[in-house]
Amino acid sequence: MRLITQEENIMQRAIDTYGVQAQCDVAIEEMAELTKALLKIRRADDHTAQMAALDNIIEEIADVSIMVDQLKIMWGPKYVEEARYQKLRRLDGRLNG
């Protein structure tokens, strides 16, 4: 049996507190914010703007990562990891093929 980490405990508590649908909505919002941040760095026209955009990207990646971890908890980390493994194998095959 695998021990649950403190981070997983926090994420499970968030799911239990706010509900699956609400956390799905938050995940969608966070992914949209990351998309916007990635587009914004393209328009950064000086070093200061680029650094601010990069800081925003880093923050949004962290938010999306947390939400993806919650989605994995909600729908089965084992199944997600199996799908991830298969997709990485397929990518490796394309890169080596």
N, C-alpha and C. Protein backbone atom coordinates (compact mmCIF):
# COMPACT_ATOMS: atom_id res chain seq x y z
N MET A 1 0.83 -1.18 0.00
CA MET A 1 0.00 0.00 0.00
C MET A 1 0.88 1.24 0.00
N ARG A 2 0.52 2.22 -0.81
CA ARG A 2 1.29 3.45 -0.95
C ARG A 2 0.82 4.49 0.04
N LEU A 3 1.77 5.18 0.66
CA LEU A 3 1.43 6.26 1.58
C LEU A 3 1.05 7.51 0.79
N ILE A 4 0.08 8.23 1.30
CA ILE A 4 -0.34 9.47 0.66
C ILE A 4 0.56 10.60 1.15
N THR A 5 1.07 11.38 0.22
CA THR A 5 1.95 12.48 0.59
C THR A 5 1.13 13.64 1.15
N GLN A 6 1.82 14.57 1.78
CA GLN A 6 1.16 15.76 2.31
C GLN A 6 0.51 16.55 1.18
N GLU A 7 1.20 16.66 0.04
CA GLU A 7 0.63 17.39 -1.10
C GLU A 7 -0.64 16.71 -1.59
N GLU A 8 -0.62 15.39 -1.71
CA GLU A 8 -1.81 14.67 -2.16
C GLU A 8 -2.95 14.85 -1.17
N ASN A 9 -2.64 14.89 0.10
CA ASN A 9 -3.65 15.12 1.13
C ASN A 9 -4.29 16.49 0.95
N ILE A 10 -3.48 17.50 0.71
CA ILE A 10 -4.01 18.85 0.49
C ILE A 10 -4.92 18.87 -0.74
N MET A 11 -4.47 18.25 -1.82
CA MET A 11 -5.27 18.24 -3.05
C MET A 11 -6.57 17.47 -2.86
N GLN A 12 -6.52 16.35 -2.16
CA GLN A 12 -7.74 15.59 -1.89
C GLN A 12 -8.71 16.40 -1.04
N ARG A 13 -8.18 17.13 -0.07
CA ARG A 13 -9.03 17.99 0.75
C ARG A 13 -9.69 19.08 -0.10
N ALA A 14 -8.96 19.62 -1.06
CA ALA A 14 -9.54 20.63 -1.96
C ALA A 14 -10.67 20.02 -2.77
N ILE A 15 -10.46 18.82 -3.29
CA ILE A 15 -11.50 18.13 -4.06
C ILE A 15 -12.72 17.87 -3.18
N ASP A 16 -12.48 17.39 -1.96
CA ASP A 16 -13.57 17.09 -1.04
C ASP A 16 -14.32 18.37 -0.63
N THR A 17 -13.59 19.46 -0.46
CA THR A 17 -14.19 20.71 -0.01
C THR A 17 -14.98 21.39 -1.12
N TYR A 18 -14.39 21.49 -2.30
CA TYR A 18 -15.01 22.27 -3.38
C TYR A 18 -15.79 21.43 -4.37
N GLY A 19 -15.47 20.15 -4.46
CA GLY A 19 -16.18 19.26 -5.37
C GLY A 19 -15.46 19.08 -6.69
N VAL A 20 -15.76 17.97 -7.33
CA VAL A 20 -15.11 17.61 -8.59
C VAL A 20 -15.40 18.64 -9.67
N GLN A 21 -16.66 19.03 -9.83
CA GLN A 21 -17.00 19.98 -10.90
C GLN A 21 -16.30 21.31 -10.72
N ALA A 22 -16.29 21.82 -9.50
CA ALA A 22 -15.62 23.10 -9.24
C ALA A 22 -14.13 23.01 -9.54
N GLN A 23 -13.50 21.91 -9.16
CA GLN A 23 -12.07 21.77 -9.41
C GLN A 23 -11.79 21.59 -10.90
N CYS A 24 -12.70 20.95 -11.61
CA CYS A 24 -12.57 20.87 -13.08
C CYS A 24 -12.63 22.27 -13.68
N ASP A 25 -13.55 23.09 -13.19
CA ASP A 25 -13.67 24.46 -13.68
C ASP A 25 -12.40 25.26 -13.40
N VAL A 26 -11.85 25.08 -12.21
CA VAL A 26 -10.60 25.78 -11.86
C VAL A 26 -9.48 25.31 -12.79
N ALA A 27 -9.43 24.02 -13.07
CA ALA A 27 -8.40 23.50 -13.98
C ALA A 27 -8.52 24.14 -15.35
N ILE A 28 -9.73 24.27 -15.85
CA ILE A 28 -9.95 24.92 -17.16
C ILE A 28 -9.47 26.37 -17.11
N GLU A 29 -9.82 27.07 -16.04
CA GLU A 29 -9.40 28.47 -15.90
C GLU A 29 -7.88 28.59 -15.85
N GLU A 30 -7.23 27.72 -15.09
CA GLU A 30 -5.78 27.79 -14.97
C GLU A 30 -5.10 27.47 -16.30
N MET A 31 -5.64 26.50 -17.05
CA MET A 31 -5.06 26.18 -18.35
C MET A 31 -5.22 27.36 -19.31
N ALA A 32 -6.35 28.04 -19.23
CA ALA A 32 -6.55 29.22 -20.07
C ALA A 32 -5.56 30.33 -19.70
N GLU A 33 -5.32 30.50 -18.41
CA GLU A 33 -4.36 31.52 -17.97
C GLU A 33 -2.95 31.19 -18.44
N LEU A 34 -2.59 29.90 -18.44
CA LEU A 34 -1.28 29.51 -18.95
C LEU A 34 -1.20 29.78 -20.45
N THR A 35 -2.25 29.46 -21.16
CA THR A 35 -2.28 29.73 -22.59
C THR A 35 -2.07 31.22 -22.86
N LYS A 36 -2.77 32.05 -22.12
CA LYS A 36 -2.63 33.50 -22.27
C LYS A 36 -1.21 33.96 -21.95
N ALA A 37 -0.63 33.41 -20.89
CA ALA A 37 0.74 33.78 -20.51
C ALA A 37 1.74 33.38 -21.60
N LEU A 38 1.55 32.21 -22.20
CA LEU A 38 2.45 31.77 -23.25
C LEU A 38 2.35 32.65 -24.48
N LEU A 39 1.14 33.10 -24.78
CA LEU A 39 0.97 34.01 -25.91
C LEU A 39 1.55 35.39 -25.61
N LYS A 40 1.42 35.82 -24.36
CA LYS A 40 1.88 37.15 -23.98
C LYS A 40 3.39 37.30 -24.10
N ILE A 41 4.14 36.24 -23.83
CA ILE A 41 5.60 36.36 -23.92
C ILE A 41 6.04 36.62 -25.36
N ARG A 42 5.25 36.20 -26.33
CA ARG A 42 5.58 36.47 -27.73
C ARG A 42 5.57 37.97 -28.02
N ARG A 43 4.72 38.70 -27.31
CA ARG A 43 4.58 40.14 -27.55
C ARG A 43 5.51 40.98 -26.69
N ALA A 44 6.22 40.36 -25.79
CA ALA A 44 7.13 41.10 -24.91
C ALA A 44 8.25 41.71 -25.76
N ASP A 45 8.35 43.02 -25.74
CA ASP A 45 9.27 43.69 -26.66
C ASP A 45 10.54 44.23 -26.01
N ASP A 46 10.69 44.02 -24.71
CA ASP A 46 11.94 44.40 -24.07
C ASP A 46 12.23 43.42 -22.94
N HIS A 47 13.42 43.55 -22.39
CA HIS A 47 13.87 42.59 -21.36
C HIS A 47 12.95 42.59 -20.14
N THR A 48 12.53 43.76 -19.71
CA THR A 48 11.66 43.84 -18.53
C THR A 48 10.34 43.13 -18.78
N ALA A 49 9.76 43.37 -19.94
CA ALA A 49 8.49 42.72 -20.28
C ALA A 49 8.67 41.21 -20.42
N GLN A 50 9.79 40.80 -20.99
CA GLN A 50 10.06 39.36 -21.13
C GLN A 50 10.20 38.69 -19.77
N MET A 51 10.90 39.33 -18.85
CA MET A 51 11.08 38.75 -17.52
C MET A 51 9.75 38.69 -16.77
N ALA A 52 8.92 39.71 -16.89
CA ALA A 52 7.60 39.70 -16.25
C ALA A 52 6.74 38.59 -16.85
N ALA A 53 6.80 38.44 -18.16
CA ALA A 53 6.02 37.39 -18.83
C ALA A 53 6.51 36.01 -18.40
N LEU A 54 7.82 35.85 -18.29
CA LEU A 54 8.38 34.57 -17.86
C LEU A 54 7.97 34.24 -16.43
N ASP A 55 8.01 35.24 -15.54
CA ASP A 55 7.55 35.02 -14.16
C ASP A 55 6.10 34.56 -14.16
N ASN A 56 5.28 35.17 -15.01
CA ASN A 56 3.86 34.80 -15.09
C ASN A 56 3.71 33.37 -15.60
N ILE A 57 4.49 33.00 -16.60
CA ILE A 57 4.44 31.63 -17.13
C ILE A 57 4.78 30.63 -16.04
N ILE A 58 5.81 30.91 -15.28
CA ILE A 58 6.23 30.00 -14.21
C ILE A 58 5.10 29.83 -13.19
N GLU A 59 4.47 30.94 -12.80
CA GLU A 59 3.35 30.87 -11.86
C GLU A 59 2.20 30.04 -12.43
N GLU A 60 1.89 30.25 -13.69
CA GLU A 60 0.77 29.53 -14.30
C GLU A 60 1.08 28.06 -14.50
N ILE A 61 2.33 27.73 -14.80
CA ILE A 61 2.71 26.31 -14.89
C ILE A 61 2.50 25.64 -13.54
N ALA A 62 2.89 26.32 -12.46
CA ALA A 62 2.69 25.75 -11.13
C ALA A 62 1.21 25.52 -10.86
N ASP A 63 0.37 26.52 -11.20
CA ASP A 63 -1.08 26.37 -11.00
C ASP A 63 -1.64 25.20 -11.80
N VAL A 64 -1.25 25.12 -13.07
CA VAL A 64 -1.74 24.03 -13.93
C VAL A 64 -1.25 22.68 -13.42
N SER A 65 -0.01 22.62 -12.98
CA SER A 65 0.53 21.37 -12.45
C SER A 65 -0.28 20.87 -11.26
N ILE A 66 -0.61 21.78 -10.36
CA ILE A 66 -1.43 21.41 -9.19
C ILE A 66 -2.80 20.91 -9.63
N MET A 67 -3.39 21.61 -10.59
CA MET A 67 -4.72 21.19 -11.05
C MET A 67 -4.67 19.87 -11.80
N VAL A 68 -3.63 19.65 -12.58
CA VAL A 68 -3.48 18.35 -13.28
C VAL A 68 -3.33 17.23 -12.25
N ASP A 69 -2.57 17.49 -11.20
CA ASP A 69 -2.45 16.48 -10.14
C ASP A 69 -3.81 16.18 -9.52
N GLN A 70 -4.63 17.20 -9.33
CA GLN A 70 -5.97 16.97 -8.79
C GLN A 70 -6.83 16.18 -9.77
N LEU A 71 -6.73 16.50 -11.07
CA LEU A 71 -7.47 15.74 -12.07
C LEU A 71 -7.05 14.27 -12.05
N LYS A 72 -5.75 14.03 -11.88
CA LYS A 72 -5.27 12.65 -11.80
C LYS A 72 -5.86 11.94 -10.59
N ILE A 73 -5.92 12.63 -9.46
CA ILE A 73 -6.52 12.04 -8.27
C ILE A 73 -7.98 11.70 -8.54
N MET A 74 -8.69 12.62 -9.18
CA MET A 74 -10.13 12.43 -9.42
C MET A 74 -10.41 11.28 -10.38
N TRP A 75 -9.55 11.10 -11.38
CA TRP A 75 -9.86 10.11 -12.40
C TRP A 75 -8.88 8.97 -12.49
N GLY A 76 -8.06 8.81 -11.48
CA GLY A 76 -7.23 7.62 -11.41
C GLY A 76 -5.82 7.83 -11.90
N PRO A 77 -4.88 8.07 -10.98
CA PRO A 77 -3.50 8.30 -11.39
C PRO A 77 -2.90 7.13 -12.15
N LYS A 78 -3.32 5.92 -11.82
CA LYS A 78 -2.78 4.75 -12.51
C LYS A 78 -3.11 4.81 -14.00
N TYR A 79 -4.35 5.15 -14.33
CA TYR A 79 -4.77 5.20 -15.73
C TYR A 79 -4.08 6.33 -16.48
N VAL A 80 -3.92 7.47 -15.81
CA VAL A 80 -3.24 8.60 -16.43
C VAL A 80 -1.78 8.26 -16.69
N GLU A 81 -1.12 7.64 -15.73
CA GLU A 81 0.28 7.28 -15.91
C GLU A 81 0.45 6.24 -17.01
N GLU A 82 -0.49 5.30 -17.13
CA GLU A 82 -0.43 4.32 -18.22
C GLU A 82 -0.55 5.01 -19.57
N ALA A 83 -1.50 5.93 -19.69
CA ALA A 83 -1.68 6.67 -20.95
C ALA A 83 -0.45 7.52 -21.25
N ARG A 84 0.11 8.15 -20.23
CA ARG A 84 1.31 8.98 -20.39
C ARG A 84 2.48 8.13 -20.89
N TYR A 85 2.64 6.96 -20.30
CA TYR A 85 3.71 6.06 -20.69
C TYR A 85 3.57 5.67 -22.17
N GLN A 86 2.35 5.32 -22.57
CA GLN A 86 2.11 4.94 -23.97
C GLN A 86 2.41 6.10 -24.92
N LYS A 87 1.99 7.29 -24.55
CA LYS A 87 2.23 8.46 -25.41
C LYS A 87 3.71 8.79 -25.50
N LEU A 88 4.44 8.64 -24.41
CA LEU A 88 5.88 8.88 -24.45
C LEU A 88 6.59 7.82 -25.30
N ARG A 89 6.13 6.60 -25.22
CA ARG A 89 6.71 5.54 -26.07
C ARG A 89 6.46 5.84 -27.54
N ARG A 90 5.25 6.30 -27.87
CA ARG A 90 4.93 6.63 -29.24
C ARG A 90 5.80 7.80 -29.72
N LEU A 91 5.97 8.81 -28.88
CA LEU A 91 6.82 9.95 -29.22
C LEU A 91 8.26 9.50 -29.45
N ASP A 92 8.75 8.63 -28.56
CA ASP A 92 10.10 8.11 -28.71
C ASP A 92 10.25 7.38 -30.04
N GLY A 93 9.23 6.61 -30.39
CA GLY A 93 9.28 5.90 -31.67
C GLY A 93 9.34 6.85 -32.85
N ARG A 94 8.58 7.93 -32.78
CA ARG A 94 8.62 8.93 -33.87
C ARG A 94 9.97 9.62 -33.92
N LEU A 95 10.53 9.94 -32.76
CA LEU A 95 11.82 10.62 -32.74
C LEU A 95 12.95 9.72 -33.23
N ASN A 96 12.84 8.43 -32.99
CA ASN A 96 13.87 7.48 -33.40
C ASN A 96 13.60 6.85 -34.76
N GLY A 97 12.39 7.05 -35.27
CA GLY A 97 12.00 6.39 -36.51
C GLY A 97 12.38 7.17 -37.70
